[in-house]
Amino acid sequence: MPSICARSSIRRWQKIVATATRWPRKTAPPTIARRMGRRKRGQDIDGVVLLDKPLGCSSNAALQRVRRAFDARKAGHTGSLDPLASGLLPVCLGEATKVSSYLLAADKTYRVTALHGAQTATGDGEGDVVARSDVAMPDRETLESILARFVGPQQQIPPMYSALKKDGKRLYEHARAGETVEREPRAITVHSIQLIDCGAHSFTLETRVSSGTYIRTLVEDIAAAWQSVAHVGSLHRTAIGRLGTELGMTPLADIEERAAAGESLDEWLLPLSVAVADWPNVVLDQSSAAAMNHGRPVACPAGTVNAQTLCIQDDAGQILGLGYIDERGMLAPRRLFARPQR
């Protein structure tokens, strides 16, 4: 007669076999699946890809295509672009995703071509024309003087076709339902505007603006300054903070072509340090770095700048994470990296 232990083992396997016979053949029974564990998807890859997003592709679709090309487990971007816009979309992989939300607040630089004489519901070429004007375009000198009035801090009313929420719904949802709702003006800053080209029916600008600025609204406001209307014909983002201005961008097609050929993508994977270059550095000695890695505030080293966000490094030059100075004057962690970065 089998022992008690043997009988228990037999009964356990009888239950597993019985479960397997009831379960579809292509799917492992729950008990067996739990024992096998789930297969992890992607690799732990850390860094930033300065993607040149193509026209017609949503930011999320571009993000997922980059993630698959690099076979990365985690990915995020630092500020979406409309499908009708192209240009810089920094894609953060792995531990770099922890800084993506902070990069959203960085200044943005755009090159925009505005089409004069027609205003659309969406502010770009996708919407229906809602107003027309036969007022002539001003000459270059007059247009430059008009543009100069838009440089500096100002209030901007966001467009109805935007993702901001009002009464629990996105503004574009209200707009698609035929509703126009009141929107509160938002504080923005236009740091610079340069007139690149102007013609009888269009003008092209390069502008650096604060986060939250709607270029579609800016174009409409500029045209309204000479009692006319306009909409965005093309929009290309060239920089976010310092990203893009010095390091350039990589087309999505180049990334996917090289990935399909099984070639290395390493030259396009930039270290996390490029994403935190705009923040002041704080260097910690070995003991303070160890405490910080355990989430404990430490005394600020001499000369620490009281900035909203600080980049924390150890004395070997490895980036430990982001921090801030708390109410006690201590250096406290804001986001720490699971793996030290360069």
C-alpha atoms as a PDB file:
ATOM      1  CA  MET A   1       0.000   0.000   0.000  1.00  0.00           C
ATOM      2  CA  PRO A   2       1.420   3.455  -0.895  1.00  0.00           C
ATOM      3  CA  SER A   3       2.485   5.654   1.986  1.00  0.00           C
ATOM      4  CA  ILE A   4       0.403   8.667   3.072  1.00  0.00           C
ATOM      5  CA  CYS A   5       2.921  10.991   1.397  1.00  0.00           C
ATOM      6  CA  ALA A   6       2.767   9.001  -1.850  1.00  0.00           C
ATOM      7  CA  ARG A   7      -1.061   8.941  -1.844  1.00  0.00           C
ATOM      8  CA  SER A   8      -1.098  12.732  -1.332  1.00  0.00           C
ATOM      9  CA  SER A   9       1.282  13.222  -4.248  1.00  0.00           C
ATOM     10  CA  ILE A  10      -0.813  10.945  -6.479  1.00  0.00           C
ATOM     11  CA  ARG A  11      -4.012  12.854  -5.657  1.00  0.00           C
ATOM     12  CA  ARG A  12      -2.309  16.181  -6.392  1.00  0.00           C
ATOM     13  CA  TRP A  13      -1.190  15.060  -9.834  1.00  0.00           C
ATOM     14  CA  GLN A  14      -4.597  13.505 -10.540  1.00  0.00           C
ATOM     15  CA  LYS A  15      -6.131  16.958  -9.987  1.00  0.00           C
ATOM     16  CA  ILE A  16      -3.615  18.576 -12.326  1.00  0.00           C
ATOM     17  CA  VAL A  17      -4.252  15.972 -15.054  1.00  0.00           C
ATOM     18  CA  ALA A  18      -8.017  16.352 -14.624  1.00  0.00           C
ATOM     19  CA  THR A  19      -7.716  20.119 -14.980  1.00  0.00           C
ATOM     20  CA  ALA A  20      -5.541  19.759 -18.077  1.00  0.00           C
ATOM     21  CA  THR A  21      -8.058  17.464 -19.780  1.00  0.00           C
ATOM     22  CA  ARG A  22     -10.812  20.037 -19.289  1.00  0.00           C
ATOM     23  CA  TRP A  23      -8.702  22.950 -20.527  1.00  0.00           C
ATOM     24  CA  PRO A  24      -8.262  23.860 -24.243  1.00  0.00           C
ATOM     25  CA  ARG A  25      -5.144  22.232 -25.617  1.00  0.00           C
ATOM     26  CA  LYS A  26      -3.586  25.490 -26.835  1.00  0.00           C
ATOM     27  CA  THR A  27      -3.785  27.060 -23.379  1.00  0.00           C
ATOM     28  CA  ALA A  28      -1.920  25.760 -20.347  1.00  0.00           C
ATOM     29  CA  PRO A  29      -4.202  25.033 -17.370  1.00  0.00           C
ATOM     30  CA  PRO A  30      -4.033  27.722 -14.668  1.00  0.00           C
ATOM     31  CA  THR A  31      -2.161  25.523 -12.169  1.00  0.00           C
ATOM     32  CA  ILE A  32       0.533  24.612 -14.686  1.00  0.00           C
ATOM     33  CA  ALA A  33       0.709  28.163 -16.055  1.00  0.00           C
ATOM     34  CA  ARG A  34       1.336  29.544 -12.587  1.00  0.00           C
ATOM     35  CA  ARG A  35       4.108  27.007 -12.014  1.00  0.00           C
ATOM     36  CA  MET A  36       5.759  27.820 -15.317  1.00  0.00           C
ATOM     37  CA  GLY A  37       5.515  31.589 -14.700  1.00  0.00           C
ATOM     38  CA  ARG A  38       4.869  34.266 -17.281  1.00  0.00           C
ATOM     39  CA  ARG A  39       7.413  34.953 -19.971  1.00  0.00           C
ATOM     40  CA  LYS A  40       8.879  38.426 -19.559  1.00  0.00           C
ATOM     41  CA  ARG A  41       8.640  40.633 -22.635  1.00  0.00           C
ATOM     42  CA  GLY A  42      11.538  42.754 -23.812  1.00  0.00           C
ATOM     43  CA  GLN A  43      14.889  43.594 -22.319  1.00  0.00           C
ATOM     44  CA  ASP A  44      16.071  46.015 -19.647  1.00  0.00           C
ATOM     45  CA  ILE A  45      17.394  48.720 -21.966  1.00  0.00           C
ATOM     46  CA  ASP A  46      18.019  52.216 -20.595  1.00  0.00           C
ATOM     47  CA  GLY A  47      18.469  55.352 -22.679  1.00  0.00           C
ATOM     48  CA  VAL A  48      16.873  57.968 -24.906  1.00  0.00           C
ATOM     49  CA  VAL A  49      16.116  57.839 -28.632  1.00  0.00           C
ATOM     50  CA  LEU A  50      15.667  61.226 -30.330  1.00  0.00           C
ATOM     51  CA  LEU A  51      13.041  60.138 -32.821  1.00  0.00           C
ATOM     52  CA  ASP A  52      12.010  62.150 -35.873  1.00  0.00           C
ATOM     53  CA  LYS A  53       8.303  61.264 -35.879  1.00  0.00           C
ATOM     54  CA  PRO A  54       6.856  61.070 -39.400  1.00  0.00           C
ATOM     55  CA  LEU A  55       3.635  62.683 -40.558  1.00  0.00           C
ATOM     56  CA  GLY A  56       0.453  60.645 -40.210  1.00  0.00           C
ATOM     57  CA  CYS A  57       1.674  58.580 -37.269  1.00  0.00           C
ATOM     58  CA  SER A  58       0.363  59.089 -33.745  1.00  0.00           C
ATOM     59  CA  SER A  59       2.894  59.597 -30.974  1.00  0.00           C
ATOM     60  CA  ASN A  60       1.858  56.384 -29.228  1.00  0.00           C
ATOM     61  CA  ALA A  61       2.126  54.348 -32.437  1.00  0.00           C
ATOM     62  CA  ALA A  62       5.628  55.737 -33.037  1.00  0.00           C
ATOM     63  CA  LEU A  63       6.567  54.971 -29.428  1.00  0.00           C
ATOM     64  CA  GLN A  64       5.473  51.336 -29.714  1.00  0.00           C
ATOM     65  CA  ARG A  65       7.350  50.863 -32.984  1.00  0.00           C
ATOM     66  CA  VAL A  66      10.560  52.140 -31.391  1.00  0.00           C
ATOM     67  CA  ARG A  67      10.021  49.920 -28.338  1.00  0.00           C
ATOM     68  CA  ARG A  68       9.626  46.846 -30.557  1.00  0.00           C
ATOM     69  CA  ALA A  69      12.663  47.746 -32.672  1.00  0.00           C
ATOM     70  CA  PHE A  70      14.854  47.955 -29.556  1.00  0.00           C
ATOM     71  CA  ASP A  71      13.045  45.023 -27.883  1.00  0.00           C
ATOM     72  CA  ALA A  72      12.710  47.210 -24.789  1.00  0.00           C
ATOM     73  CA  ARG A  73      10.528  46.243 -21.846  1.00  0.00           C
ATOM     74  CA  LYS A  74       9.515  49.802 -20.909  1.00  0.00           C
ATOM     75  CA  ALA A  75       9.073  52.908 -23.043  1.00  0.00           C
ATOM     76  CA  GLY A  76       7.541  56.373 -22.763  1.00  0.00           C
ATOM     77  CA  HIS A  77       7.695  59.700 -24.593  1.00  0.00           C
ATOM     78  CA  THR A  78       8.120  63.261 -23.360  1.00  0.00           C
ATOM     79  CA  GLY A  79       5.212  65.085 -24.978  1.00  0.00           C
ATOM     80  CA  SER A  80       2.939  63.993 -27.792  1.00  0.00           C
ATOM     81  CA  LEU A  81       2.783  65.382 -31.310  1.00  0.00           C
ATOM     82  CA  ASP A  82      -0.417  65.383 -33.366  1.00  0.00           C
ATOM     83  CA  PRO A  83      -0.464  62.920 -36.290  1.00  0.00           C
ATOM     84  CA  LEU A  84      -0.334  65.919 -38.674  1.00  0.00           C
ATOM     85  CA  ALA A  85       2.847  67.188 -36.983  1.00  0.00           C
ATOM     86  CA  SER A  86       6.353  65.804 -37.429  1.00  0.00           C
ATOM     87  CA  GLY A  87       9.672  66.151 -35.694  1.00  0.00           C
ATOM     88  CA  LEU A  88      11.331  65.504 -32.378  1.00  0.00           C
ATOM     89  CA  LEU A  89       9.701  62.915 -30.119  1.00  0.00           C
ATOM     90  CA  PRO A  90      12.195  61.808 -27.450  1.00  0.00           C
ATOM     91  CA  VAL A  91      11.490  58.161 -26.608  1.00  0.00           C
ATOM     92  CA  CYS A  92      12.659  57.124 -23.145  1.00  0.00           C
ATOM     93  CA  LEU A  93      13.497  53.449 -22.640  1.00  0.00           C
ATOM     94  CA  GLY A  94      13.834  51.584 -19.343  1.00  0.00           C
ATOM     95  CA  GLU A  95      14.951  53.738 -16.417  1.00  0.00           C
ATOM     96  CA  ALA A  96      14.813  56.843 -18.626  1.00  0.00           C
ATOM     97  CA  THR A  97      11.001  56.671 -18.434  1.00  0.00           C
ATOM     98  CA  LYS A  98      11.344  58.004 -14.875  1.00  0.00           C
ATOM     99  CA  VAL A  99      12.391  61.421 -16.204  1.00  0.00           C
ATOM    100  CA  SER A 100       9.922  61.660 -19.102  1.00  0.00           C
ATOM    101  CA  SER A 101       7.281  63.530 -17.092  1.00  0.00           C
ATOM    102  CA  TYR A 102       9.852  66.145 -16.020  1.00  0.00           C
ATOM    103  CA  LEU A 103      10.852  66.790 -19.633  1.00  0.00           C
ATOM    104  CA  LEU A 104       7.230  67.681 -20.419  1.00  0.00           C
ATOM    105  CA  ALA A 105       7.838  71.030 -18.712  1.00  0.00           C
ATOM    106  CA  ALA A 106      10.778  71.935 -20.976  1.00  0.00           C
ATOM    107  CA  ASP A 107      10.559  74.654 -23.633  1.00  0.00           C
ATOM    108  CA  LYS A 108       9.671  73.493 -27.147  1.00  0.00           C
ATOM    109  CA  THR A 109      10.946  74.818 -30.492  1.00  0.00           C
ATOM    110  CA  TYR A 110       8.841  74.533 -33.648  1.00  0.00           C
ATOM    111  CA  ARG A 111       8.954  75.465 -37.304  1.00  0.00           C
ATOM    112  CA  VAL A 112       5.442  76.198 -38.512  1.00  0.00           C
ATOM    113  CA  THR A 113       4.009  77.200 -41.876  1.00  0.00           C
ATOM    114  CA  ALA A 114       0.710  79.070 -41.593  1.00  0.00           C
ATOM    115  CA  LEU A 115      -1.776  79.287 -44.450  1.00  0.00           C
ATOM    116  CA  HIS A 116      -3.372  82.714 -44.618  1.00  0.00           C
ATOM    117  CA  GLY A 117      -6.983  83.478 -45.520  1.00  0.00           C
ATOM    118  CA  ALA A 118      -8.839  80.517 -43.984  1.00  0.00           C
ATOM    119  CA  GLN A 119      -9.604  79.458 -40.420  1.00  0.00           C
ATOM    120  CA  THR A 120     -10.524  75.857 -39.642  1.00  0.00           C
ATOM    121  CA  ALA A 121     -12.414  74.249 -36.776  1.00  0.00           C
ATOM    122  CA  THR A 122      -9.306  72.412 -35.591  1.00  0.00           C
ATOM    123  CA  GLY A 123      -6.737  75.123 -36.325  1.00  0.00           C
ATOM    124  CA  ASP A 124      -4.944  72.902 -38.848  1.00  0.00           C
ATOM    125  CA  GLY A 125      -5.606  71.311 -42.229  1.00  0.00           C
ATOM    126  CA  GLU A 126      -7.697  68.495 -40.785  1.00  0.00           C
ATOM    127  CA  GLY A 127     -10.743  70.588 -39.857  1.00  0.00           C
ATOM    128  CA  ASP A 128     -13.490  72.180 -41.925  1.00  0.00           C
ATOM    129  CA  VAL A 129     -13.092  75.810 -42.945  1.00  0.00           C
ATOM    130  CA  VAL A 130     -15.199  77.987 -40.619  1.00  0.00           C
ATOM    131  CA  ALA A 131     -14.093  81.475 -41.720  1.00  0.00           C
ATOM    132  CA  ARG A 132     -12.393  83.151 -44.659  1.00  0.00           C
ATOM    133  CA  SER A 133     -10.741  86.512 -45.171  1.00  0.00           C
ATOM    134  CA  ASP A 134      -9.613  88.434 -48.237  1.00  0.00           C
ATOM    135  CA  VAL A 135      -7.439  90.822 -46.226  1.00  0.00           C
ATOM    136  CA  ALA A 136      -4.021  90.944 -47.869  1.00  0.00           C
ATOM    137  CA  MET A 137      -0.923  89.609 -46.161  1.00  0.00           C
ATOM    138  CA  PRO A 138       1.210  92.385 -44.652  1.00  0.00           C
ATOM    139  CA  ASP A 139       4.673  93.003 -46.034  1.00  0.00           C
ATOM    140  CA  ARG A 140       7.673  91.443 -44.332  1.00  0.00           C
ATOM    141  CA  GLU A 141       8.591  94.493 -42.260  1.00  0.00           C
ATOM    142  CA  THR A 142       5.033  94.894 -40.942  1.00  0.00           C
ATOM    143  CA  LEU A 143       4.733  91.181 -40.196  1.00  0.00           C
ATOM    144  CA  GLU A 144       7.994  91.208 -38.241  1.00  0.00           C
ATOM    145  CA  SER A 145       6.753  94.122 -36.120  1.00  0.00           C
ATOM    146  CA  ILE A 146       3.514  92.213 -35.436  1.00  0.00           C
ATOM    147  CA  LEU A 147       5.462  89.105 -34.420  1.00  0.00           C
ATOM    148  CA  ALA A 148       7.589  91.136 -32.002  1.00  0.00           C
ATOM    149  CA  ARG A 149       4.427  91.963 -30.033  1.00  0.00           C
ATOM    150  CA  PHE A 150       3.871  88.268 -29.326  1.00  0.00           C
ATOM    151  CA  VAL A 151       7.244  87.697 -27.632  1.00  0.00           C
ATOM    152  CA  GLY A 152       7.084  87.412 -23.851  1.00  0.00           C
ATOM    153  CA  PRO A 153       4.686  86.203 -21.137  1.00  0.00           C
ATOM    154  CA  GLN A 154       1.011  86.211 -22.098  1.00  0.00           C
ATOM    155  CA  GLN A 155      -2.357  84.541 -21.593  1.00  0.00           C
ATOM    156  CA  GLN A 156      -3.592  82.040 -24.168  1.00  0.00           C
ATOM    157  CA  ILE A 157      -7.045  80.457 -24.446  1.00  0.00           C
ATOM    158  CA  PRO A 158      -6.606  76.778 -25.397  1.00  0.00           C
ATOM    159  CA  PRO A 159      -8.407  75.573 -28.540  1.00  0.00           C
ATOM    160  CA  MET A 160     -11.589  73.508 -28.423  1.00  0.00           C
ATOM    161  CA  TYR A 161      -9.777  70.714 -30.263  1.00  0.00           C
ATOM    162  CA  SER A 162      -7.366  69.843 -27.449  1.00  0.00           C
ATOM    163  CA  ALA A 163      -7.007  67.112 -24.830  1.00  0.00           C
ATOM    164  CA  LEU A 164      -7.645  69.388 -21.854  1.00  0.00           C
ATOM    165  CA  LYS A 165     -10.624  68.418 -19.712  1.00  0.00           C
ATOM    166  CA  LYS A 166     -13.738  70.434 -18.911  1.00  0.00           C
ATOM    167  CA  ASP A 167     -16.685  69.018 -16.925  1.00  0.00           C
ATOM    168  CA  GLY A 168     -15.122  65.552 -17.010  1.00  0.00           C
ATOM    169  CA  LYS A 169     -14.748  65.446 -20.812  1.00  0.00           C
ATOM    170  CA  ARG A 170     -11.910  66.254 -23.190  1.00  0.00           C
ATOM    171  CA  LEU A 171     -12.392  69.551 -24.993  1.00  0.00           C
ATOM    172  CA  TYR A 172     -12.269  67.795 -28.358  1.00  0.00           C
ATOM    173  CA  GLU A 173     -15.150  65.575 -27.209  1.00  0.00           C
ATOM    174  CA  HIS A 174     -17.226  68.696 -26.522  1.00  0.00           C
ATOM    175  CA  ALA A 175     -16.199  70.075 -29.931  1.00  0.00           C
ATOM    176  CA  ARG A 176     -17.164  66.904 -31.793  1.00  0.00           C
ATOM    177  CA  ALA A 177     -20.555  67.036 -30.071  1.00  0.00           C
ATOM    178  CA  GLY A 178     -21.060  70.548 -31.437  1.00  0.00           C
ATOM    179  CA  GLU A 179     -20.521  72.182 -28.048  1.00  0.00           C
ATOM    180  CA  THR A 180     -18.406  75.249 -27.335  1.00  0.00           C
ATOM    181  CA  VAL A 181     -17.445  75.552 -23.672  1.00  0.00           C
ATOM    182  CA  GLU A 182     -15.751  78.362 -21.814  1.00  0.00           C
ATOM    183  CA  ARG A 183     -12.003  77.871 -21.367  1.00  0.00           C
ATOM    184  CA  GLU A 184      -9.799  79.592 -18.846  1.00  0.00           C
ATOM    185  CA  PRO A 185      -6.772  81.444 -20.257  1.00  0.00           C
ATOM    186  CA  ARG A 186      -3.435  79.842 -19.408  1.00  0.00           C
ATOM    187  CA  ALA A 187      -0.132  81.561 -18.749  1.00  0.00           C
ATOM    188  CA  ILE A 188       2.441  80.861 -21.473  1.00  0.00           C
ATOM    189  CA  THR A 189       5.680  82.434 -22.649  1.00  0.00           C
ATOM    190  CA  VAL A 190       6.818  82.918 -26.222  1.00  0.00           C
ATOM    191  CA  HIS A 191      10.585  83.176 -25.861  1.00  0.00           C
ATOM    192  CA  SER A 192      11.335  83.974 -29.496  1.00  0.00           C
ATOM    193  CA  ILE A 193       9.749  84.186 -32.951  1.00  0.00           C
ATOM    194  CA  GLN A 194      11.749  84.391 -36.157  1.00  0.00           C
ATOM    195  CA  LEU A 195      10.132  84.984 -39.535  1.00  0.00           C
ATOM    196  CA  ILE A 196      11.679  82.496 -41.958  1.00  0.00           C
ATOM    197  CA  ASP A 197       9.601  83.183 -45.057  1.00  0.00           C
ATOM    198  CA  CYS A 198       6.437  84.958 -46.145  1.00  0.00           C
ATOM    199  CA  GLY A 199       4.431  85.039 -49.352  1.00  0.00           C
ATOM    200  CA  ALA A 200       1.049  86.087 -50.659  1.00  0.00           C
ATOM    201  CA  HIS A 201      -0.811  83.273 -48.901  1.00  0.00           C
ATOM    202  CA  SER A 202       1.509  81.850 -46.234  1.00  0.00           C
ATOM    203  CA  PHE A 203       4.245  82.607 -43.742  1.00  0.00           C
ATOM    204  CA  THR A 204       6.790  80.377 -41.997  1.00  0.00           C
ATOM    205  CA  LEU A 205       8.017  80.921 -38.444  1.00  0.00           C
ATOM    206  CA  GLU A 206      10.471  79.361 -36.045  1.00  0.00           C
ATOM    207  CA  THR A 207       9.415  79.853 -32.438  1.00  0.00           C
ATOM    208  CA  ARG A 208      10.535  78.712 -28.998  1.00  0.00           C
ATOM    209  CA  VAL A 209       7.699  78.553 -26.494  1.00  0.00           C
ATOM    210  CA  SER A 210       6.975  77.354 -22.983  1.00  0.00           C
ATOM    211  CA  SER A 211       5.300  74.041 -22.302  1.00  0.00           C
ATOM    212  CA  GLY A 212       1.533  74.169 -22.788  1.00  0.00           C
ATOM    213  CA  THR A 213       1.615  76.641 -25.691  1.00  0.00           C
ATOM    214  CA  TYR A 214      -0.709  75.799 -28.588  1.00  0.00           C
ATOM    215  CA  ILE A 215       0.909  76.752 -31.893  1.00  0.00           C
ATOM    216  CA  ARG A 216      -2.475  76.539 -33.666  1.00  0.00           C
ATOM    217  CA  THR A 217      -3.845  79.235 -31.363  1.00  0.00           C
ATOM    218  CA  LEU A 218      -0.688  81.330 -31.695  1.00  0.00           C
ATOM    219  CA  VAL A 219      -1.056  81.307 -35.498  1.00  0.00           C
ATOM    220  CA  GLU A 220      -4.722  82.346 -35.245  1.00  0.00           C
ATOM    221  CA  ASP A 221      -3.853  85.162 -32.841  1.00  0.00           C
ATOM    222  CA  ILE A 222      -1.062  86.436 -35.104  1.00  0.00           C
ATOM    223  CA  ALA A 223      -3.418  86.600 -38.106  1.00  0.00           C
ATOM    224  CA  ALA A 224      -6.073  88.311 -35.980  1.00  0.00           C
ATOM    225  CA  ALA A 225      -3.545  91.083 -35.284  1.00  0.00           C
ATOM    226  CA  TRP A 226      -4.139  92.344 -38.848  1.00  0.00           C
ATOM    227  CA  GLN A 227      -7.860  91.460 -38.827  1.00  0.00           C
ATOM    228  CA  SER A 228      -7.433  88.262 -40.800  1.00  0.00           C
ATOM    229  CA  VAL A 229      -7.499  84.481 -40.293  1.00  0.00           C
ATOM    230  CA  ALA A 230      -5.018  81.628 -40.755  1.00  0.00           C
ATOM    231  CA  HIS A 231      -4.417  78.009 -39.831  1.00  0.00           C
ATOM    232  CA  VAL A 232      -1.432  75.685 -39.461  1.00  0.00           C
ATOM    233  CA  GLY A 233      -0.405  74.085 -42.736  1.00  0.00           C
ATOM    234  CA  SER A 234       2.609  72.186 -41.405  1.00  0.00           C
ATOM    235  CA  LEU A 235       4.259  71.845 -38.007  1.00  0.00           C
ATOM    236  CA  HIS A 236       7.684  70.405 -37.232  1.00  0.00           C
ATOM    237  CA  ARG A 237       9.175  70.244 -33.724  1.00  0.00           C
ATOM    238  CA  THR A 238      12.914  70.782 -33.779  1.00  0.00           C
ATOM    239  CA  ALA A 239      13.859  70.797 -30.082  1.00  0.00           C
ATOM    240  CA  ILE A 240      12.720  70.105 -26.518  1.00  0.00           C
ATOM    241  CA  GLY A 241      14.986  72.066 -24.223  1.00  0.00           C
ATOM    242  CA  ARG A 242      18.435  71.307 -25.597  1.00  0.00           C
ATOM    243  CA  LEU A 243      17.410  67.929 -26.984  1.00  0.00           C
ATOM    244  CA  GLY A 244      17.515  67.916 -30.755  1.00  0.00           C
ATOM    245  CA  THR A 245      19.462  71.129 -31.234  1.00  0.00           C
ATOM    246  CA  GLU A 246      22.896  69.537 -30.837  1.00  0.00           C
ATOM    247  CA  LEU A 247      22.361  65.801 -31.256  1.00  0.00           C
ATOM    248  CA  GLY A 248      19.926  65.702 -34.167  1.00  0.00           C
ATOM    249  CA  MET A 249      17.085  63.236 -34.756  1.00  0.00           C
ATOM    250  CA  THR A 250      16.758  59.729 -36.173  1.00  0.00           C
ATOM    251  CA  PRO A 251      14.000  58.883 -38.678  1.00  0.00           C
ATOM    252  CA  LEU A 252      11.689  56.050 -37.647  1.00  0.00           C
ATOM    253  CA  ALA A 253      12.205  54.330 -41.004  1.00  0.00           C
ATOM    254  CA  ASP A 254      15.980  54.108 -40.399  1.00  0.00           C
ATOM    255  CA  ILE A 255      15.461  52.489 -36.986  1.00  0.00           C
ATOM    256  CA  GLU A 256      13.012  49.897 -38.303  1.00  0.00           C
ATOM    257  CA  GLU A 257      15.135  49.116 -41.366  1.00  0.00           C
ATOM    258  CA  ARG A 258      18.232  48.438 -39.290  1.00  0.00           C
ATOM    259  CA  ALA A 259      16.264  46.426 -36.710  1.00  0.00           C
ATOM    260  CA  ALA A 260      14.739  44.265 -39.457  1.00  0.00           C
ATOM    261  CA  ALA A 261      18.239  43.543 -40.768  1.00  0.00           C
ATOM    262  CA  GLY A 262      19.378  42.483 -37.299  1.00  0.00           C
ATOM    263  CA  GLU A 263      21.924  45.302 -37.099  1.00  0.00           C
ATOM    264  CA  SER A 264      22.903  47.195 -33.956  1.00  0.00           C
ATOM    265  CA  LEU A 265      20.868  50.249 -32.917  1.00  0.00           C
ATOM    266  CA  ASP A 266      23.329  51.312 -30.215  1.00  0.00           C
ATOM    267  CA  GLU A 267      24.426  54.518 -31.953  1.00  0.00           C
ATOM    268  CA  TRP A 268      20.873  55.884 -31.638  1.00  0.00           C
ATOM    269  CA  LEU A 269      20.449  54.937 -27.970  1.00  0.00           C
ATOM    270  CA  LEU A 270      21.765  57.933 -26.052  1.00  0.00           C
ATOM    271  CA  PRO A 271      22.698  57.757 -22.355  1.00  0.00           C
ATOM    272  CA  LEU A 272      20.240  59.055 -19.810  1.00  0.00           C
ATOM    273  CA  SER A 273      22.593  61.954 -19.068  1.00  0.00           C
ATOM    274  CA  VAL A 274      21.393  63.743 -22.228  1.00  0.00           C
ATOM    275  CA  ALA A 275      17.877  63.922 -20.766  1.00  0.00           C
ATOM    276  CA  VAL A 276      18.996  65.455 -17.458  1.00  0.00           C
ATOM    277  CA  ALA A 277      21.597  67.845 -18.862  1.00  0.00           C
ATOM    278  CA  ASP A 278      19.456  70.926 -18.124  1.00  0.00           C
ATOM    279  CA  TRP A 279      19.294  70.230 -14.370  1.00  0.00           C
ATOM    280  CA  PRO A 280      22.018  71.193 -11.865  1.00  0.00           C
ATOM    281  CA  ASN A 281      24.217  68.328 -10.665  1.00  0.00           C
ATOM    282  CA  VAL A 282      24.785  67.336  -7.053  1.00  0.00           C
ATOM    283  CA  VAL A 283      27.715  64.970  -6.391  1.00  0.00           C
ATOM    284  CA  LEU A 284      27.524  62.789  -3.268  1.00  0.00           C
ATOM    285  CA  ASP A 285      30.321  60.962  -1.495  1.00  0.00           C
ATOM    286  CA  GLN A 286      30.157  57.197  -1.043  1.00  0.00           C
ATOM    287  CA  SER A 287      28.279  57.169   2.276  1.00  0.00           C
ATOM    288  CA  SER A 288      25.719  59.795   1.214  1.00  0.00           C
ATOM    289  CA  ALA A 289      25.181  57.999  -2.097  1.00  0.00           C
ATOM    290  CA  ALA A 290      24.488  54.747  -0.237  1.00  0.00           C
ATOM    291  CA  ALA A 291      21.922  56.494   1.983  1.00  0.00           C
ATOM    292  CA  MET A 292      20.297  58.140  -1.023  1.00  0.00           C
ATOM    293  CA  ASN A 293      20.016  54.779  -2.787  1.00  0.00           C
ATOM    294  CA  HIS A 294      17.988  53.585   0.199  1.00  0.00           C
ATOM    295  CA  GLY A 295      15.636  56.554  -0.138  1.00  0.00           C
ATOM    296  CA  ARG A 296      16.995  58.559   2.804  1.00  0.00           C
ATOM    297  CA  PRO A 297      17.511  62.357   2.650  1.00  0.00           C
ATOM    298  CA  VAL A 298      21.115  63.475   3.125  1.00  0.00           C
ATOM    299  CA  ALA A 299      22.885  66.722   3.949  1.00  0.00           C
ATOM    300  CA  CYS A 300      23.380  68.973   0.934  1.00  0.00           C
ATOM    301  CA  PRO A 301      26.990  69.177  -0.244  1.00  0.00           C
ATOM    302  CA  ALA A 302      28.536  72.646  -0.203  1.00  0.00           C
ATOM    303  CA  GLY A 303      27.477  74.776  -3.158  1.00  0.00           C
ATOM    304  CA  THR A 304      24.236  72.887  -3.874  1.00  0.00           C
ATOM    305  CA  VAL A 305      21.864  74.991  -6.001  1.00  0.00           C
ATOM    306  CA  ASN A 306      18.315  75.298  -4.653  1.00  0.00           C
ATOM    307  CA  ALA A 307      16.581  74.248  -7.873  1.00  0.00           C
ATOM    308  CA  GLN A 308      13.205  72.568  -8.281  1.00  0.00           C
ATOM    309  CA  THR A 309      14.865  69.434  -9.684  1.00  0.00           C
ATOM    310  CA  LEU A 310      18.445  68.271  -9.131  1.00  0.00           C
ATOM    311  CA  CYS A 311      20.403  65.509 -10.844  1.00  0.00           C
ATOM    312  CA  ILE A 312      22.063  63.353  -8.168  1.00  0.00           C
ATOM    313  CA  GLN A 313      25.384  61.644  -8.949  1.00  0.00           C
ATOM    314  CA  ASP A 314      27.899  59.653  -6.964  1.00  0.00           C
ATOM    315  CA  ASP A 315      31.615  60.459  -6.924  1.00  0.00           C
ATOM    316  CA  ALA A 316      32.182  57.958  -9.739  1.00  0.00           C
ATOM    317  CA  GLY A 317      29.966  59.983 -12.081  1.00  0.00           C
ATOM    318  CA  GLN A 318      27.021  57.581 -12.046  1.00  0.00           C
ATOM    319  CA  ILE A 319      23.548  59.148 -12.020  1.00  0.00           C
ATOM    320  CA  LEU A 320      21.510  57.868  -9.080  1.00  0.00           C
ATOM    321  CA  GLY A 321      18.285  59.769  -9.747  1.00  0.00           C
ATOM    322  CA  LEU A 322      16.506  63.084  -9.331  1.00  0.00           C
ATOM    323  CA  GLY A 323      16.143  64.993  -6.081  1.00  0.00           C
ATOM    324  CA  TYR A 324      15.104  68.241  -4.453  1.00  0.00           C
ATOM    325  CA  ILE A 325      15.814  70.229  -1.294  1.00  0.00           C
ATOM    326  CA  ASP A 326      13.101  69.560   1.285  1.00  0.00           C
ATOM    327  CA  GLU A 327      11.684  71.897   3.948  1.00  0.00           C
ATOM    328  CA  ARG A 328      14.504  70.943   6.337  1.00  0.00           C
ATOM    329  CA  GLY A 329      17.181  71.907   3.840  1.00  0.00           C
ATOM    330  CA  MET A 330      18.077  68.253   3.195  1.00  0.00           C
ATOM    331  CA  LEU A 331      18.650  66.716  -0.229  1.00  0.00           C
ATOM    332  CA  ALA A 332      15.734  64.322  -0.689  1.00  0.00           C
ATOM    333  CA  PRO A 333      15.123  61.775  -3.469  1.00  0.00           C
ATOM    334  CA  ARG A 334      12.365  62.465  -5.988  1.00  0.00           C
ATOM    335  CA  ARG A 335      12.934  59.586  -8.428  1.00  0.00           C
ATOM    336  CA  LEU A 336      15.727  57.021  -8.020  1.00  0.00           C
ATOM    337  CA  PHE A 337      16.977  54.702 -10.734  1.00  0.00           C
ATOM    338  CA  ALA A 338      16.993  50.956 -10.176  1.00  0.00           C
ATOM    339  CA  ARG A 339      20.277  50.806 -12.081  1.00  0.00           C
ATOM    340  CA  PRO A 340      22.967  53.546 -11.931  1.00  0.00           C
ATOM    341  CA  GLN A 341      23.170  55.521 -15.180  1.00  0.00           C
ATOM    342  CA  ARG A 342      25.806  57.420 -17.090  1.00  0.00           C
END
